[in-house]
Amino acid sequence: MMWDAVTEALGGLYPEVQPWHVTYPVEGCRLRAASAYPAAGHWHLVSYGLGERWGFELTLRVARGAQEVQPPQWPFVLLDRVAAYVASLDGPVEDGQWINWGGPVTGFPHTDGPDTGLTVLILAEDPQLGGRFLQLVGVTADEADGRVEVAEDPLMVTDPGRA
């Protein structure tokens, strides 16, 4: 998937919105860039740089406060770390797979992210963008194992404050 296709897909969802953009250093990072679009109650982040090799990009929806005008930095770090993880695998990743992150998905205490009980990432088809976009969804280990039911959320927003 080319960068223009990613920008067009997100621009279709958020036509009047100016996204936040970050670029990653060439050395030591898997992604080339990522963008965060302010949406109703959350940031909608998207990666750039996986599509040419793997045919999909990562997305992530992160809860945000009404007064929050700038996205936190930890989701950008998470996107790049997951991209590195994907690159290390022998096979493809797909909808329904999950990754036991081994600690808070926010990167706490090594990032600006809060401490949280969300330690597993589920990969799901982005509900608004489709299968060429795999959304990361942060859940607790008990939710991933099916011991606790995940609350219904059609956009699958990751909210570190809920666990």
N, C-alpha and C. Protein backbone atom coordinates (compact mmCIF):
# COMPACT_ATOMS: atom_id res chain seq x y z
N MET A 1 0.85 -1.17 0.00
CA MET A 1 0.00 0.00 0.00
C MET A 1 0.90 1.23 0.00
N MET A 2 0.61 2.13 -0.88
CA MET A 2 1.44 3.32 -1.00
C MET A 2 0.95 4.42 -0.05
N TRP A 3 1.84 5.35 0.26
CA TRP A 3 1.54 6.42 1.20
C TRP A 3 0.31 7.22 0.79
N ASP A 4 0.18 7.50 -0.49
CA ASP A 4 -0.97 8.28 -0.95
C ASP A 4 -2.28 7.57 -0.64
N ALA A 5 -2.30 6.25 -0.75
CA ALA A 5 -3.51 5.49 -0.45
C ALA A 5 -3.86 5.58 1.03
N VAL A 6 -2.85 5.58 1.89
CA VAL A 6 -3.08 5.72 3.33
C VAL A 6 -3.65 7.11 3.62
N THR A 7 -3.01 8.12 3.09
CA THR A 7 -3.46 9.50 3.31
C THR A 7 -4.87 9.71 2.77
N GLU A 8 -5.17 9.12 1.63
CA GLU A 8 -6.50 9.25 1.05
C GLU A 8 -7.56 8.56 1.92
N ALA A 9 -7.25 7.38 2.42
CA ALA A 9 -8.20 6.64 3.26
C ALA A 9 -8.53 7.41 4.54
N LEU A 10 -7.51 7.94 5.20
CA LEU A 10 -7.75 8.70 6.44
C LEU A 10 -8.37 10.05 6.14
N GLY A 11 -7.96 10.67 5.04
CA GLY A 11 -8.56 11.93 4.65
C GLY A 11 -10.05 11.80 4.36
N GLY A 12 -10.46 10.62 3.89
CA GLY A 12 -11.87 10.37 3.66
C GLY A 12 -12.67 10.31 4.94
N LEU A 13 -12.05 9.80 5.99
CA LEU A 13 -12.71 9.76 7.30
C LEU A 13 -12.73 11.11 7.99
N TYR A 14 -11.65 11.87 7.81
CA TYR A 14 -11.47 13.13 8.52
C TYR A 14 -11.14 14.24 7.52
N PRO A 15 -12.10 14.63 6.67
CA PRO A 15 -11.80 15.56 5.58
C PRO A 15 -11.39 16.96 6.01
N GLU A 16 -11.84 17.43 7.13
CA GLU A 16 -11.55 18.80 7.56
C GLU A 16 -10.54 18.85 8.70
N VAL A 17 -9.82 17.77 8.93
CA VAL A 17 -8.94 17.66 10.09
C VAL A 17 -7.48 17.73 9.66
N GLN A 18 -6.71 18.49 10.42
CA GLN A 18 -5.26 18.54 10.20
C GLN A 18 -4.61 17.53 11.14
N PRO A 19 -4.00 16.47 10.62
CA PRO A 19 -3.38 15.47 11.50
C PRO A 19 -2.02 15.93 12.03
N TRP A 20 -1.60 15.27 13.09
CA TRP A 20 -0.23 15.42 13.61
C TRP A 20 0.61 14.38 12.89
N HIS A 21 1.79 14.77 12.40
CA HIS A 21 2.68 13.85 11.71
C HIS A 21 3.99 13.72 12.47
N VAL A 22 4.54 12.51 12.50
CA VAL A 22 5.88 12.29 13.01
C VAL A 22 6.64 11.48 11.98
N THR A 23 7.94 11.69 11.93
CA THR A 23 8.81 10.85 11.12
C THR A 23 9.77 10.12 12.05
N TYR A 24 10.23 8.97 11.60
CA TYR A 24 11.13 8.15 12.38
C TYR A 24 12.52 8.18 11.75
N PRO A 25 13.56 8.07 12.56
CA PRO A 25 14.91 8.01 11.99
C PRO A 25 15.05 6.77 11.11
N VAL A 26 15.84 6.87 10.08
CA VAL A 26 16.04 5.73 9.18
C VAL A 26 16.72 4.59 9.93
N GLU A 27 17.69 4.92 10.75
CA GLU A 27 18.40 3.89 11.52
C GLU A 27 17.63 3.51 12.77
N GLY A 28 17.39 2.21 12.96
CA GLY A 28 16.80 1.72 14.18
C GLY A 28 15.28 1.70 14.24
N CYS A 29 14.60 2.13 13.20
CA CYS A 29 13.14 2.14 13.19
C CYS A 29 12.61 1.41 11.96
N ARG A 30 11.45 0.78 12.11
CA ARG A 30 10.82 0.07 11.00
C ARG A 30 9.88 0.96 10.20
N LEU A 31 9.26 1.93 10.89
CA LEU A 31 8.33 2.82 10.21
C LEU A 31 9.06 4.02 9.65
N ARG A 32 8.49 4.63 8.64
CA ARG A 32 9.03 5.87 8.10
C ARG A 32 8.30 7.06 8.70
N ALA A 33 6.99 6.89 8.97
CA ALA A 33 6.20 8.00 9.52
C ALA A 33 4.92 7.44 10.12
N ALA A 34 4.22 8.31 10.84
CA ALA A 34 2.90 7.98 11.39
C ALA A 34 2.14 9.29 11.54
N SER A 35 0.83 9.19 11.52
CA SER A 35 -0.03 10.35 11.69
C SER A 35 -1.08 10.06 12.74
N ALA A 36 -1.51 11.11 13.44
CA ALA A 36 -2.57 11.01 14.44
C ALA A 36 -3.65 12.01 14.08
N TYR A 37 -4.86 11.51 13.90
CA TYR A 37 -6.00 12.35 13.56
C TYR A 37 -6.88 12.51 14.79
N PRO A 38 -7.18 13.76 15.19
CA PRO A 38 -8.10 13.94 16.31
C PRO A 38 -9.52 13.58 15.88
N ALA A 39 -10.12 12.62 16.56
CA ALA A 39 -11.47 12.18 16.26
C ALA A 39 -12.32 12.37 17.52
N ALA A 40 -13.58 12.05 17.44
CA ALA A 40 -14.49 12.22 18.58
C ALA A 40 -14.07 11.31 19.73
N GLY A 41 -13.45 11.89 20.76
CA GLY A 41 -13.07 11.15 21.95
C GLY A 41 -11.80 10.33 21.86
N HIS A 42 -11.13 10.36 20.73
CA HIS A 42 -9.91 9.56 20.61
C HIS A 42 -8.99 10.12 19.52
N TRP A 43 -7.75 9.64 19.54
CA TRP A 43 -6.80 9.88 18.46
C TRP A 43 -6.82 8.64 17.59
N HIS A 44 -6.85 8.82 16.27
CA HIS A 44 -6.79 7.70 15.33
C HIS A 44 -5.43 7.78 14.65
N LEU A 45 -4.54 6.86 15.00
CA LEU A 45 -3.19 6.85 14.47
C LEU A 45 -3.06 5.84 13.35
N VAL A 46 -2.17 6.14 12.42
CA VAL A 46 -1.90 5.24 11.30
C VAL A 46 -0.40 5.26 11.00
N SER A 47 0.12 4.10 10.65
CA SER A 47 1.54 3.98 10.30
C SER A 47 1.73 4.20 8.80
N TYR A 48 2.96 4.53 8.44
CA TYR A 48 3.39 4.60 7.04
C TYR A 48 4.69 3.81 6.93
N GLY A 49 4.75 2.90 5.98
CA GLY A 49 6.01 2.20 5.75
C GLY A 49 5.91 0.69 5.75
N LEU A 50 4.81 0.12 6.22
CA LEU A 50 4.66 -1.34 6.20
C LEU A 50 4.00 -1.83 4.92
N GLY A 51 3.19 -0.99 4.32
CA GLY A 51 2.38 -1.40 3.18
C GLY A 51 3.15 -1.91 1.99
N GLU A 52 4.29 -1.28 1.69
CA GLU A 52 5.06 -1.71 0.54
C GLU A 52 5.59 -3.12 0.71
N ARG A 53 5.91 -3.51 1.93
CA ARG A 53 6.49 -4.83 2.16
C ARG A 53 5.46 -5.87 2.59
N TRP A 54 4.53 -5.48 3.47
CA TRP A 54 3.59 -6.46 4.03
C TRP A 54 2.16 -6.30 3.56
N GLY A 55 1.85 -5.24 2.84
CA GLY A 55 0.52 -5.08 2.29
C GLY A 55 -0.53 -4.52 3.24
N PHE A 56 -0.12 -4.08 4.41
CA PHE A 56 -1.06 -3.48 5.36
C PHE A 56 -0.34 -2.41 6.16
N GLU A 57 -1.12 -1.55 6.77
CA GLU A 57 -0.60 -0.57 7.72
C GLU A 57 -1.27 -0.81 9.06
N LEU A 58 -0.64 -0.35 10.11
CA LEU A 58 -1.18 -0.45 11.46
C LEU A 58 -1.97 0.80 11.81
N THR A 59 -3.05 0.62 12.54
CA THR A 59 -3.77 1.74 13.11
C THR A 59 -3.91 1.50 14.61
N LEU A 60 -4.24 2.56 15.31
CA LEU A 60 -4.43 2.49 16.76
C LEU A 60 -5.33 3.65 17.13
N ARG A 61 -6.35 3.36 17.91
CA ARG A 61 -7.21 4.42 18.44
C ARG A 61 -6.93 4.53 19.93
N VAL A 62 -6.60 5.74 20.37
CA VAL A 62 -6.25 5.97 21.77
C VAL A 62 -7.18 7.04 22.34
N ALA A 63 -7.76 6.75 23.50
CA ALA A 63 -8.67 7.69 24.15
C ALA A 63 -7.97 9.03 24.39
N ARG A 64 -8.75 10.10 24.26
CA ARG A 64 -8.21 11.44 24.53
C ARG A 64 -9.27 12.28 25.22
N GLY A 65 -8.80 13.21 26.03
CA GLY A 65 -9.69 14.14 26.70
C GLY A 65 -10.17 15.23 25.75
N ALA A 66 -11.27 15.86 26.09
CA ALA A 66 -11.86 16.89 25.24
C ALA A 66 -10.92 18.07 25.03
N GLN A 67 -10.08 18.37 26.02
CA GLN A 67 -9.18 19.51 25.92
C GLN A 67 -7.81 19.16 25.34
N GLU A 68 -7.59 17.90 25.08
CA GLU A 68 -6.29 17.45 24.58
C GLU A 68 -6.12 17.84 23.11
N VAL A 69 -5.11 18.68 22.84
CA VAL A 69 -4.91 19.17 21.47
C VAL A 69 -3.71 18.55 20.78
N GLN A 70 -2.90 17.81 21.52
CA GLN A 70 -1.73 17.16 20.96
C GLN A 70 -1.70 15.71 21.41
N PRO A 71 -1.42 14.78 20.50
CA PRO A 71 -1.42 13.36 20.90
C PRO A 71 -0.24 13.05 21.81
N PRO A 72 -0.42 12.05 22.69
CA PRO A 72 0.73 11.59 23.48
C PRO A 72 1.75 10.92 22.56
N GLN A 73 2.97 10.81 23.02
CA GLN A 73 4.02 10.22 22.19
C GLN A 73 4.08 8.70 22.27
N TRP A 74 3.58 8.11 23.36
CA TRP A 74 3.72 6.67 23.51
C TRP A 74 3.06 5.87 22.38
N PRO A 75 1.92 6.31 21.80
CA PRO A 75 1.37 5.50 20.69
C PRO A 75 2.28 5.44 19.47
N PHE A 76 3.04 6.50 19.21
CA PHE A 76 3.98 6.50 18.10
C PHE A 76 5.11 5.49 18.35
N VAL A 77 5.57 5.43 19.60
CA VAL A 77 6.59 4.46 19.99
C VAL A 77 6.04 3.04 19.83
N LEU A 78 4.82 2.83 20.30
CA LEU A 78 4.19 1.51 20.20
C LEU A 78 4.06 1.06 18.75
N LEU A 79 3.60 1.94 17.87
CA LEU A 79 3.47 1.56 16.46
C LEU A 79 4.80 1.08 15.88
N ASP A 80 5.89 1.79 16.18
CA ASP A 80 7.18 1.38 15.64
C ASP A 80 7.65 0.06 16.26
N ARG A 81 7.41 -0.13 17.54
CA ARG A 81 7.82 -1.39 18.18
C ARG A 81 7.04 -2.58 17.63
N VAL A 82 5.76 -2.38 17.38
CA VAL A 82 4.97 -3.46 16.78
C VAL A 82 5.44 -3.72 15.35
N ALA A 83 5.78 -2.68 14.61
CA ALA A 83 6.31 -2.87 13.25
C ALA A 83 7.59 -3.69 13.29
N ALA A 84 8.47 -3.44 14.26
CA ALA A 84 9.69 -4.23 14.41
C ALA A 84 9.36 -5.68 14.75
N TYR A 85 8.37 -5.88 15.61
CA TYR A 85 7.94 -7.23 15.96
C TYR A 85 7.42 -7.96 14.71
N VAL A 86 6.58 -7.30 13.92
CA VAL A 86 6.04 -7.89 12.70
C VAL A 86 7.19 -8.29 11.76
N ALA A 87 8.18 -7.43 11.64
CA ALA A 87 9.32 -7.70 10.76
C ALA A 87 10.13 -8.91 11.22
N SER A 88 10.08 -9.23 12.51
CA SER A 88 10.86 -10.34 13.04
C SER A 88 10.18 -11.70 12.87
N LEU A 89 8.93 -11.71 12.48
CA LEU A 89 8.17 -12.95 12.36
C LEU A 89 8.47 -13.68 11.06
N ASP A 90 8.31 -15.00 11.09
CA ASP A 90 8.50 -15.79 9.88
C ASP A 90 7.30 -15.72 8.93
N GLY A 91 6.11 -15.56 9.51
CA GLY A 91 4.90 -15.54 8.69
C GLY A 91 4.15 -14.23 8.82
N PRO A 92 3.03 -14.12 8.12
CA PRO A 92 2.25 -12.88 8.14
C PRO A 92 1.46 -12.74 9.44
N VAL A 93 1.05 -11.53 9.73
CA VAL A 93 0.11 -11.29 10.82
C VAL A 93 -1.26 -11.06 10.20
N GLU A 94 -2.30 -11.32 10.99
CA GLU A 94 -3.65 -11.19 10.45
C GLU A 94 -4.64 -10.87 11.55
N ASP A 95 -5.82 -10.52 11.13
CA ASP A 95 -6.93 -10.23 12.01
C ASP A 95 -7.12 -11.37 13.01
N GLY A 96 -7.23 -11.02 14.28
CA GLY A 96 -7.47 -12.00 15.33
C GLY A 96 -6.23 -12.44 16.08
N GLN A 97 -5.06 -12.20 15.56
CA GLN A 97 -3.84 -12.54 16.29
C GLN A 97 -3.67 -11.60 17.47
N TRP A 98 -2.95 -12.07 18.47
CA TRP A 98 -2.64 -11.18 19.58
C TRP A 98 -1.21 -11.35 20.02
N ILE A 99 -0.71 -10.26 20.63
CA ILE A 99 0.67 -10.20 21.06
C ILE A 99 0.68 -9.92 22.56
N ASN A 100 1.26 -10.83 23.34
CA ASN A 100 1.44 -10.56 24.76
C ASN A 100 2.64 -9.63 24.87
N TRP A 101 2.38 -8.38 25.22
CA TRP A 101 3.40 -7.34 25.19
C TRP A 101 4.36 -7.45 26.36
N GLY A 102 3.98 -8.16 27.42
CA GLY A 102 4.88 -8.37 28.55
C GLY A 102 5.01 -7.19 29.49
N GLY A 103 4.19 -6.20 29.33
CA GLY A 103 4.19 -5.00 30.16
C GLY A 103 3.15 -4.05 29.63
N PRO A 104 3.00 -2.90 30.23
CA PRO A 104 2.00 -1.94 29.77
C PRO A 104 2.20 -1.58 28.29
N VAL A 105 1.13 -1.60 27.51
CA VAL A 105 1.23 -1.26 26.09
C VAL A 105 1.64 0.19 25.90
N THR A 106 1.51 0.99 26.94
CA THR A 106 1.90 2.40 26.89
C THR A 106 3.40 2.60 26.99
N GLY A 107 4.13 1.53 27.30
CA GLY A 107 5.58 1.64 27.46
C GLY A 107 6.00 2.17 28.81
N PHE A 108 5.04 2.37 29.71
CA PHE A 108 5.34 2.86 31.05
C PHE A 108 6.38 1.94 31.68
N PRO A 109 7.39 2.44 32.34
CA PRO A 109 7.71 3.81 32.69
C PRO A 109 8.70 4.48 31.73
N HIS A 110 8.92 3.89 30.57
CA HIS A 110 9.95 4.37 29.65
C HIS A 110 9.45 5.39 28.62
N THR A 111 8.17 5.70 28.65
CA THR A 111 7.59 6.69 27.72
C THR A 111 6.73 7.66 28.52
N ASP A 112 6.04 8.54 27.82
CA ASP A 112 5.11 9.45 28.49
C ASP A 112 3.78 8.79 28.80
N GLY A 113 3.65 7.50 28.51
CA GLY A 113 2.40 6.79 28.74
C GLY A 113 2.16 6.46 30.19
N PRO A 114 0.89 6.39 30.59
CA PRO A 114 0.55 6.05 31.97
C PRO A 114 0.72 4.56 32.24
N ASP A 115 0.83 4.23 33.52
CA ASP A 115 0.81 2.83 33.92
C ASP A 115 -0.58 2.29 33.62
N THR A 116 -0.66 1.05 33.17
CA THR A 116 -1.94 0.45 32.82
C THR A 116 -1.86 -1.06 32.91
N GLY A 117 -3.00 -1.69 33.08
CA GLY A 117 -3.10 -3.14 33.06
C GLY A 117 -3.29 -3.70 31.67
N LEU A 118 -3.31 -2.85 30.65
CA LEU A 118 -3.41 -3.32 29.27
C LEU A 118 -2.03 -3.81 28.83
N THR A 119 -1.89 -5.12 28.69
CA THR A 119 -0.59 -5.72 28.39
C THR A 119 -0.59 -6.60 27.15
N VAL A 120 -1.73 -6.71 26.49
CA VAL A 120 -1.86 -7.55 25.30
C VAL A 120 -2.42 -6.69 24.18
N LEU A 121 -1.92 -6.91 22.98
CA LEU A 121 -2.42 -6.23 21.79
C LEU A 121 -3.11 -7.24 20.89
N ILE A 122 -4.35 -6.97 20.57
CA ILE A 122 -5.08 -7.79 19.61
C ILE A 122 -5.06 -7.06 18.28
N LEU A 123 -4.78 -7.77 17.20
CA LEU A 123 -4.83 -7.19 15.87
C LEU A 123 -6.21 -7.45 15.29
N ALA A 124 -6.88 -6.39 14.89
CA ALA A 124 -8.22 -6.51 14.34
C ALA A 124 -8.33 -5.63 13.10
N GLU A 125 -9.18 -6.03 12.19
CA GLU A 125 -9.43 -5.20 11.02
C GLU A 125 -9.98 -3.86 11.49
N ASP A 126 -9.39 -2.77 11.01
CA ASP A 126 -9.87 -1.45 11.42
C ASP A 126 -11.33 -1.33 11.01
N PRO A 127 -12.23 -1.03 11.95
CA PRO A 127 -13.67 -1.04 11.64
C PRO A 127 -14.12 0.01 10.63
N GLN A 128 -13.33 1.04 10.39
CA GLN A 128 -13.72 2.05 9.41
C GLN A 128 -12.89 2.01 8.14
N LEU A 129 -11.73 1.38 8.19
CA LEU A 129 -10.82 1.41 7.03
C LEU A 129 -10.69 0.07 6.32
N GLY A 130 -11.05 -1.02 6.97
CA GLY A 130 -11.01 -2.32 6.31
C GLY A 130 -9.73 -3.09 6.51
N GLY A 131 -9.62 -4.21 5.80
CA GLY A 131 -8.59 -5.20 6.01
C GLY A 131 -7.17 -4.82 5.67
N ARG A 132 -6.96 -3.78 4.89
CA ARG A 132 -5.59 -3.36 4.61
C ARG A 132 -5.02 -2.52 5.76
N PHE A 133 -5.84 -2.34 6.78
CA PHE A 133 -5.42 -1.63 7.98
C PHE A 133 -5.73 -2.51 9.18
N LEU A 134 -4.68 -2.95 9.88
CA LEU A 134 -4.85 -3.75 11.08
C LEU A 134 -4.73 -2.85 12.30
N GLN A 135 -5.79 -2.83 13.10
CA GLN A 135 -5.82 -1.98 14.28
C GLN A 135 -5.29 -2.73 15.49
N LEU A 136 -4.44 -2.06 16.24
CA LEU A 136 -3.96 -2.59 17.51
C LEU A 136 -4.97 -2.22 18.58
N VAL A 137 -5.38 -3.19 19.38
CA VAL A 137 -6.35 -2.96 20.44
C VAL A 137 -5.75 -3.45 21.74
N GLY A 138 -5.54 -2.55 22.69
CA GLY A 138 -4.97 -2.92 23.97
C GLY A 138 -6.02 -3.51 24.90
N VAL A 139 -5.71 -4.70 25.44
CA VAL A 139 -6.60 -5.38 26.38
C VAL A 139 -5.77 -5.94 27.53
N THR A 140 -6.46 -6.37 28.58
CA THR A 140 -5.77 -7.01 29.70
C THR A 140 -5.51 -8.48 29.36
N ALA A 141 -4.65 -9.12 30.11
CA ALA A 141 -4.37 -10.55 29.89
C ALA A 141 -5.63 -11.37 30.12
N ASP A 142 -6.43 -11.02 31.13
CA ASP A 142 -7.67 -11.75 31.39
C ASP A 142 -8.67 -11.59 30.24
N GLU A 143 -8.72 -10.42 29.63
CA GLU A 143 -9.59 -10.23 28.47
C GLU A 143 -9.09 -11.04 27.28
N ALA A 144 -7.79 -11.05 27.05
CA ALA A 144 -7.23 -11.81 25.93
C ALA A 144 -7.47 -13.30 26.08
N ASP A 145 -7.39 -13.80 27.32
CA ASP A 145 -7.61 -15.22 27.59
C ASP A 145 -9.08 -15.61 27.65
N GLY A 146 -9.97 -14.62 27.59
CA GLY A 146 -11.40 -14.91 27.63
C GLY A 146 -11.95 -15.06 29.03
N ARG A 147 -11.15 -14.79 30.05
CA ARG A 147 -11.64 -14.91 31.43
C ARG A 147 -12.53 -13.74 31.82
N VAL A 148 -12.32 -12.61 31.15
CA VAL A 148 -13.12 -11.41 31.38
C VAL A 148 -13.58 -10.92 30.01
N GLU A 149 -14.85 -10.54 29.94
CA GLU A 149 -15.39 -10.07 28.67
C GLU A 149 -14.94 -8.64 28.40
N VAL A 150 -14.58 -8.38 27.15
CA VAL A 150 -14.19 -7.04 26.72
C VAL A 150 -15.46 -6.22 26.51
N ALA A 151 -15.49 -5.01 27.05
CA ALA A 151 -16.66 -4.15 26.86
C ALA A 151 -16.86 -3.85 25.39
N GLU A 152 -18.11 -3.79 24.97
CA GLU A 152 -18.45 -3.52 23.58
C GLU A 152 -18.06 -2.10 23.19
N ASP A 153 -17.27 -1.96 22.16
CA ASP A 153 -16.85 -0.67 21.62
C ASP A 153 -16.64 -0.86 20.13
N PRO A 154 -17.55 -0.35 19.30
CA PRO A 154 -17.43 -0.59 17.85
C PRO A 154 -16.15 -0.05 17.22
N LEU A 155 -15.53 0.99 17.82
CA LEU A 155 -14.29 1.53 17.26
C LEU A 155 -13.04 0.94 17.93
N MET A 156 -13.23 0.14 18.98
CA MET A 156 -12.14 -0.55 19.67
C MET A 156 -11.03 0.43 20.13
N VAL A 157 -11.43 1.47 20.84
CA VAL A 157 -10.50 2.47 21.34
C VAL A 157 -9.72 1.89 22.51
N THR A 158 -8.41 2.06 22.48
CA THR A 158 -7.56 1.65 23.59
C THR A 158 -7.54 2.79 24.61
N ASP A 159 -8.01 2.49 25.81
CA ASP A 159 -8.06 3.47 26.89
C ASP A 159 -7.24 2.95 28.07
N PRO A 160 -5.99 3.43 28.21
CA PRO A 160 -5.14 2.94 29.30
C PRO A 160 -5.75 3.17 30.68
N GLY A 161 -6.63 4.14 30.82
CA GLY A 161 -7.23 4.44 32.11
C GLY A 161 -8.28 3.46 32.57
N ARG A 162 -8.68 2.53 31.73
CA ARG A 162 -9.72 1.60 32.12
C ARG A 162 -9.21 0.35 32.83
N ALA A 163 -7.90 0.17 32.85
CA ALA A 163 -7.36 -1.06 33.48
C ALA A 163 -6.13 -0.76 34.30
